[in-house]
Amino acid sequence: MADVPPEPNDRTSVTPGRGSTTSTPRWVWVFGVIAIVLVLLFVIQHLAGGGLGGHTP
């Protein structure tokens, strides 16, 4: 069966060759950036010698 070309007035979110035009919600980006920053701070703290054992007597 042959592909039927889309109607000129058809408003879909997928354009040929471009994929989906919907983007990731802003809250997902913010959560991801915060998570990456926290992981980096944790790694830097441990590499600098200030690990979790600092509170032992």
N, C-alpha and C. Protein backbone atom coordinates (compact mmCIF):
# COMPACT_ATOMS: atom_id res chain seq x y z
N MET A 1 0.84 -1.17 0.00
CA MET A 1 0.00 0.00 0.00
C MET A 1 0.89 1.24 0.00
N ALA A 2 0.56 2.18 -0.83
CA ALA A 2 1.35 3.40 -0.95
C ALA A 2 1.10 4.33 0.23
N ASP A 3 2.15 5.09 0.59
CA ASP A 3 1.99 6.08 1.65
C ASP A 3 1.13 7.23 1.17
N VAL A 4 0.22 7.64 2.02
CA VAL A 4 -0.67 8.75 1.68
C VAL A 4 -0.02 10.03 2.22
N PRO A 5 0.15 11.04 1.37
CA PRO A 5 0.75 12.29 1.86
C PRO A 5 -0.19 12.96 2.87
N PRO A 6 0.38 13.65 3.84
CA PRO A 6 -0.47 14.31 4.85
C PRO A 6 -1.26 15.46 4.24
N GLU A 7 -2.38 15.72 4.85
CA GLU A 7 -3.21 16.84 4.41
C GLU A 7 -2.47 18.15 4.69
N PRO A 8 -2.66 19.17 3.87
CA PRO A 8 -1.99 20.46 4.10
C PRO A 8 -2.37 21.10 5.44
N ASN A 9 -3.58 20.85 5.91
CA ASN A 9 -4.04 21.44 7.16
C ASN A 9 -3.83 20.52 8.36
N ASP A 10 -3.15 19.42 8.16
CA ASP A 10 -2.93 18.46 9.23
C ASP A 10 -1.86 19.01 10.17
N ARG A 11 -2.21 19.24 11.43
CA ARG A 11 -1.27 19.81 12.41
C ARG A 11 -0.81 18.72 13.37
N THR A 12 0.22 18.01 12.98
CA THR A 12 0.78 16.99 13.85
C THR A 12 2.07 17.52 14.46
N SER A 13 2.50 16.88 15.56
CA SER A 13 3.71 17.35 16.23
C SER A 13 4.97 16.75 15.61
N VAL A 14 4.84 15.87 14.65
CA VAL A 14 6.01 15.26 14.02
C VAL A 14 6.11 15.78 12.60
N THR A 15 7.25 16.36 12.27
CA THR A 15 7.48 16.84 10.92
C THR A 15 8.46 15.91 10.24
N PRO A 16 8.40 15.79 8.93
CA PRO A 16 9.31 14.87 8.23
C PRO A 16 10.77 15.23 8.45
N GLY A 17 11.55 14.27 8.91
CA GLY A 17 12.98 14.47 9.07
C GLY A 17 13.37 15.22 10.33
N ARG A 18 12.44 15.64 11.14
CA ARG A 18 12.78 16.41 12.34
C ARG A 18 12.41 15.70 13.63
N GLY A 19 11.62 14.66 13.60
CA GLY A 19 11.20 13.99 14.82
C GLY A 19 10.13 14.80 15.52
N SER A 20 9.97 14.56 16.80
CA SER A 20 8.94 15.22 17.58
C SER A 20 9.34 16.66 17.89
N THR A 21 8.37 17.56 17.87
CA THR A 21 8.64 18.96 18.20
C THR A 21 8.37 19.26 19.66
N THR A 22 7.84 18.28 20.40
CA THR A 22 7.61 18.51 21.82
C THR A 22 8.94 18.42 22.55
N SER A 23 9.10 19.28 23.55
CA SER A 23 10.36 19.31 24.29
C SER A 23 10.16 18.75 25.69
N THR A 24 11.26 18.52 26.37
CA THR A 24 11.23 18.02 27.74
C THR A 24 10.72 19.14 28.65
N PRO A 25 9.83 18.81 29.59
CA PRO A 25 9.34 19.85 30.50
C PRO A 25 10.47 20.48 31.31
N ARG A 26 10.26 21.73 31.68
CA ARG A 26 11.29 22.48 32.39
C ARG A 26 11.64 21.83 33.73
N TRP A 27 10.64 21.26 34.43
CA TRP A 27 10.92 20.68 35.74
C TRP A 27 11.85 19.48 35.62
N VAL A 28 11.82 18.77 34.50
CA VAL A 28 12.72 17.63 34.31
C VAL A 28 14.15 18.13 34.16
N TRP A 29 14.33 19.20 33.41
CA TRP A 29 15.67 19.79 33.24
C TRP A 29 16.20 20.28 34.58
N VAL A 30 15.37 20.98 35.36
CA VAL A 30 15.80 21.52 36.64
C VAL A 30 16.18 20.40 37.59
N PHE A 31 15.36 19.36 37.67
CA PHE A 31 15.65 18.22 38.52
C PHE A 31 16.95 17.54 38.10
N GLY A 32 17.17 17.39 36.80
CA GLY A 32 18.40 16.77 36.30
C GLY A 32 19.64 17.59 36.63
N VAL A 33 19.55 18.90 36.47
CA VAL A 33 20.70 19.77 36.77
C VAL A 33 21.01 19.72 38.26
N ILE A 34 19.99 19.76 39.11
CA ILE A 34 20.21 19.69 40.56
C ILE A 34 20.84 18.36 40.94
N ALA A 35 20.36 17.26 40.35
CA ALA A 35 20.92 15.95 40.65
C ALA A 35 22.38 15.86 40.23
N ILE A 36 22.72 16.38 39.06
CA ILE A 36 24.11 16.34 38.59
C ILE A 36 25.01 17.19 39.50
N VAL A 37 24.53 18.36 39.90
CA VAL A 37 25.32 19.22 40.79
C VAL A 37 25.56 18.54 42.13
N LEU A 38 24.54 17.90 42.70
CA LEU A 38 24.71 17.20 43.98
C LEU A 38 25.70 16.05 43.87
N VAL A 39 25.64 15.29 42.79
CA VAL A 39 26.58 14.19 42.59
C VAL A 39 28.00 14.73 42.45
N LEU A 40 28.17 15.80 41.69
CA LEU A 40 29.50 16.39 41.53
C LEU A 40 30.05 16.91 42.86
N LEU A 41 29.21 17.56 43.66
CA LEU A 41 29.65 18.03 44.97
C LEU A 41 30.06 16.87 45.87
N PHE A 42 29.31 15.79 45.84
CA PHE A 42 29.63 14.60 46.63
C PHE A 42 30.97 14.01 46.21
N VAL A 43 31.20 13.90 44.90
CA VAL A 43 32.46 13.34 44.39
C VAL A 43 33.63 14.25 44.75
N ILE A 44 33.46 15.55 44.57
CA ILE A 44 34.55 16.50 44.90
C ILE A 44 34.87 16.45 46.38
N GLN A 45 33.85 16.35 47.22
CA GLN A 45 34.06 16.29 48.66
C GLN A 45 34.87 15.04 49.03
N HIS A 46 34.57 13.92 48.44
CA HIS A 46 35.29 12.68 48.74
C HIS A 46 36.71 12.69 48.17
N LEU A 47 36.90 13.29 47.01
CA LEU A 47 38.24 13.37 46.44
C LEU A 47 39.12 14.33 47.23
N ALA A 48 38.51 15.32 47.88
CA ALA A 48 39.26 16.28 48.67
C ALA A 48 39.58 15.74 50.07
N GLY A 49 39.06 14.57 50.42
CA GLY A 49 39.37 13.97 51.71
C GLY A 49 38.35 14.25 52.79
N GLY A 50 37.27 14.86 52.49
CA GLY A 50 36.25 15.15 53.50
C GLY A 50 35.10 14.18 53.41
N GLY A 51 35.37 12.90 53.54
CA GLY A 51 34.35 11.88 53.38
C GLY A 51 33.33 11.85 54.50
N LEU A 52 32.52 10.80 54.53
CA LEU A 52 31.46 10.67 55.51
C LEU A 52 31.99 10.31 56.90
N GLY A 53 33.24 9.91 57.03
CA GLY A 53 33.79 9.50 58.31
C GLY A 53 34.26 10.65 59.17
N GLY A 54 33.97 11.87 58.83
CA GLY A 54 34.43 13.02 59.57
C GLY A 54 33.76 13.21 60.92
N HIS A 55 32.65 12.52 61.17
CA HIS A 55 31.92 12.70 62.43
C HIS A 55 32.21 11.60 63.44
N THR A 56 33.10 10.70 63.16
CA THR A 56 33.40 9.64 64.12
C THR A 56 34.36 10.16 65.18
N PRO A 57 34.23 9.66 66.43
CA PRO A 57 35.11 10.16 67.51
C PRO A 57 36.54 9.74 67.37
